[in-house]
């Protein structure tokens, strides 16, 4: 007996060089939704800018994943993996606009966690106005807001962070995967 494929099965693979232009375009389309809803347009160019997306692809320790649902490309994630500290970051994460609201993000996040089981802490950021992201990271994925960066309190690790339309800052999130035990001497 042949079993039918599991519907809605979400997996990850590694994006190829040929995938990167579409990845960038789909990522920017997904990010544009909240910008347009909040500010009315993306008149000053795509969010995030092409240069920022391209830089994330080649950043040290970056891994660019395609998110697949039943073998079809439906989203993507850029993670930075620090094998020494296991403080890893989720730099970009998106589900294609025509696939949102179907639980793909939740399943993709579980797949990312399963792919990097040695992670002690996940770190990510999202703009203050991106309510869906804030809900997703806190209520769905289990992150905690640990800091709010703005003009009066800039992120020391991202000094060249570009301004977003109506920029009022970014939240930094962390998800501790397990308690780190330190030995006293």
Protein backbone atom coordinates (compact mmCIF):
# COMPACT_ATOMS: atom_id res chain seq x y z
CA UNK A 1 0.00 0.00 0.00
CA UNK A 2 1.32 3.45 -0.93
CA UNK A 3 0.78 6.12 1.69
CA UNK A 4 -0.30 9.59 0.67
CA UNK A 5 2.07 12.47 1.45
CA UNK A 6 1.37 14.37 4.64
CA UNK A 7 -0.50 17.51 3.61
CA UNK A 8 1.06 20.66 4.92
CA UNK A 9 4.37 18.94 5.65
CA UNK A 10 6.95 21.71 6.10
CA UNK A 11 10.67 21.14 5.59
CA UNK A 12 13.78 23.22 4.97
CA UNK A 13 16.46 23.04 2.35
CA UNK A 14 19.46 25.19 1.53
CA UNK A 15 18.86 27.92 -1.04
CA UNK A 16 21.10 27.85 -4.09
CA UNK A 17 22.71 30.89 -5.68
CA UNK A 18 20.00 30.77 -8.38
CA UNK A 19 17.29 30.95 -5.67
CA UNK A 20 18.53 34.20 -4.13
CA UNK A 21 16.84 36.73 -6.50
CA UNK A 22 13.42 35.12 -5.96
CA UNK A 23 14.10 34.78 -2.23
CA UNK A 24 14.82 38.53 -2.02
CA UNK A 25 11.71 39.43 -4.05
CA UNK A 26 9.39 37.17 -2.02
CA UNK A 27 10.90 38.40 1.27
CA UNK A 28 10.37 42.04 0.30
CA UNK A 29 6.80 41.36 -0.81
CA UNK A 30 6.03 39.73 2.56
CA UNK A 31 7.63 42.60 4.50
CA UNK A 32 5.85 45.25 2.41
CA UNK A 33 2.42 44.22 3.73
CA UNK A 34 2.92 45.68 7.22
CA UNK A 35 4.70 48.76 5.88
CA UNK A 36 1.82 49.52 3.49
CA UNK A 37 -0.80 48.80 6.18
CA UNK A 38 0.96 51.09 8.65
CA UNK A 39 2.36 53.87 6.44
CA UNK A 40 0.39 53.61 3.19
CA UNK A 41 3.23 52.81 0.81
CA UNK A 42 6.81 51.71 0.29
CA UNK A 43 7.66 54.82 -1.73
CA UNK A 44 11.30 54.88 -0.70
CA UNK A 45 12.07 51.47 -2.16
CA UNK A 46 11.74 47.90 -1.01
CA UNK A 47 11.83 46.96 2.67
CA UNK A 48 14.32 45.64 3.54
CA UNK A 49 16.60 47.27 0.95
CA UNK A 50 18.22 45.04 -1.67
CA UNK A 51 21.67 45.68 -0.18
CA UNK A 52 20.61 44.50 3.29
CA UNK A 53 19.07 41.30 1.98
CA UNK A 54 22.14 40.58 -0.20
CA UNK A 55 24.46 41.28 2.76
CA UNK A 56 22.52 38.80 4.91
CA UNK A 57 23.12 36.06 2.33
CA UNK A 58 26.90 36.43 2.60
CA UNK A 59 27.24 37.37 6.28
CA UNK A 60 29.62 35.28 8.38
CA UNK A 61 27.95 32.04 9.53
CA UNK A 62 24.81 32.74 7.47
CA UNK A 63 22.68 29.88 6.22
CA UNK A 64 19.91 30.65 3.73
CA UNK A 65 17.02 28.20 3.91
CA UNK A 66 14.05 27.78 1.65
CA UNK A 67 10.87 26.78 3.46
CA UNK A 68 9.02 24.04 1.59
CA UNK A 69 5.44 22.90 2.10
CA UNK A 70 4.80 19.51 0.51
CA UNK A 71 7.94 20.12 -1.57
CA UNK A 72 6.83 23.56 -2.86
CA UNK A 73 8.81 26.68 -2.00
CA UNK A 74 6.60 28.84 0.25
CA UNK A 75 9.02 30.94 2.30
CA UNK A 76 12.51 31.38 3.58
CA UNK A 77 14.79 32.07 6.50
CA UNK A 78 18.29 33.42 6.92
CA UNK A 79 19.94 32.25 10.12
CA UNK A 80 23.39 32.98 11.52
CA UNK A 81 24.85 30.06 13.42
CA UNK A 82 27.63 30.57 15.96
CA UNK A 83 28.95 27.06 16.54
CA UNK A 84 31.07 28.21 19.48
CA UNK A 85 28.54 30.11 21.60
CA UNK A 86 25.33 28.58 20.18
CA UNK A 87 23.76 32.05 20.38
CA UNK A 88 22.19 31.96 16.96
CA UNK A 89 20.15 34.57 15.16
CA UNK A 90 17.14 34.55 12.92
CA UNK A 91 18.05 37.37 10.55
CA UNK A 92 15.15 37.13 8.10
CA UNK A 93 12.05 34.95 8.10
CA UNK A 94 9.07 35.05 5.77
CA UNK A 95 6.17 33.08 4.37
CA UNK A 96 5.02 34.05 0.88
CA UNK A 97 2.05 36.41 0.92
CA UNK A 98 -0.22 33.91 -0.87
CA UNK A 99 0.55 31.25 1.77
CA UNK A 100 0.26 33.24 5.01
CA UNK A 101 -2.24 32.38 7.72
CA UNK A 102 -2.03 28.61 7.20
CA UNK A 103 0.34 27.61 10.02
CA UNK A 104 3.39 27.40 7.78
CA UNK A 105 5.39 29.83 9.92
CA UNK A 106 4.80 27.78 13.06
CA UNK A 107 5.86 24.56 11.32
CA UNK A 108 8.86 26.27 9.71
CA UNK A 109 10.05 27.61 13.06
CA UNK A 110 9.82 24.09 14.52
CA UNK A 111 11.87 22.83 11.56
CA UNK A 112 14.51 25.51 12.19
CA UNK A 113 14.73 24.57 15.86
CA UNK A 114 15.04 20.88 14.91
CA UNK A 115 17.77 21.69 12.38
CA UNK A 116 19.87 23.48 15.02
CA UNK A 117 19.25 21.44 18.21
CA UNK A 118 22.43 22.67 19.94
CA UNK A 119 21.18 26.26 19.99
CA UNK A 120 21.14 27.72 23.48
CA UNK A 121 19.63 31.10 22.57
CA UNK A 122 17.85 32.34 19.45
CA UNK A 123 17.90 36.10 18.82
CA UNK A 124 15.79 38.07 16.34
CA UNK A 125 14.48 41.61 15.76
CA UNK A 126 11.32 43.12 14.36
CA UNK A 127 10.07 46.69 13.90
CA UNK A 128 7.84 48.19 16.58
CA UNK A 129 4.85 48.40 14.22
CA UNK A 130 4.92 44.80 13.00
CA UNK A 131 2.16 43.46 15.25
CA UNK A 132 1.87 40.13 13.41
CA UNK A 133 5.58 39.46 13.90
CA UNK A 134 5.45 40.43 17.56
CA UNK A 135 2.49 38.08 18.08
CA UNK A 136 4.21 35.30 16.11
CA UNK A 137 7.55 35.49 17.93
CA UNK A 138 6.09 35.88 21.44
CA UNK A 139 2.85 33.89 21.39
CA UNK A 140 3.61 31.22 18.78
CA UNK A 141 7.37 30.64 18.99
CA UNK A 142 8.04 31.41 22.66
CA UNK A 143 10.43 34.35 22.30
CA UNK A 144 10.59 37.13 24.89
CA UNK A 145 11.06 40.81 24.17
CA UNK A 146 14.31 41.70 25.89
CA UNK A 147 15.13 45.14 24.53
CA UNK A 148 13.70 48.04 22.58
CA UNK A 149 16.13 49.87 20.30
CA UNK A 150 15.37 53.37 19.05
CA UNK A 151 17.19 56.65 18.35
CA UNK A 152 17.80 57.23 22.07
CA UNK A 153 18.89 53.61 22.67
CA UNK A 154 20.51 52.29 19.46
CA UNK A 155 21.51 48.67 19.03
CA UNK A 156 25.28 48.54 19.62
CA UNK A 157 25.50 45.41 17.44
CA UNK A 158 23.73 47.08 14.49
CA UNK A 159 25.12 50.62 14.34
CA UNK A 160 24.30 51.04 10.65
CA UNK A 161 20.71 49.84 10.97
CA UNK A 162 18.73 51.63 8.24
CA UNK A 163 15.79 53.77 9.23
CA UNK A 164 12.38 52.34 8.43
CA UNK A 165 9.50 54.55 7.36
CA UNK A 166 8.31 56.45 10.44
CA UNK A 167 11.09 54.71 12.34
CA UNK A 168 10.34 54.40 16.01
CA UNK A 169 12.60 51.46 16.68
CA UNK A 170 13.02 47.72 16.78
CA UNK A 171 12.29 45.09 19.38
CA UNK A 172 14.98 42.51 20.15
CA UNK A 173 13.70 39.07 21.08
CA UNK A 174 15.42 36.09 22.65
CA UNK A 175 14.34 32.52 23.06
CA UNK A 176 16.34 30.51 25.56
CA UNK A 177 16.26 26.89 24.51
CA UNK A 178 17.68 25.55 27.74
CA UNK A 179 19.32 26.97 30.80
CA UNK A 180 23.06 27.33 30.50
CA UNK A 181 24.78 25.93 33.56
CA UNK A 182 27.98 27.72 34.50
CA UNK A 183 30.50 26.23 36.85
CA UNK A 184 31.96 28.38 39.58
CA UNK A 185 35.63 28.09 40.34
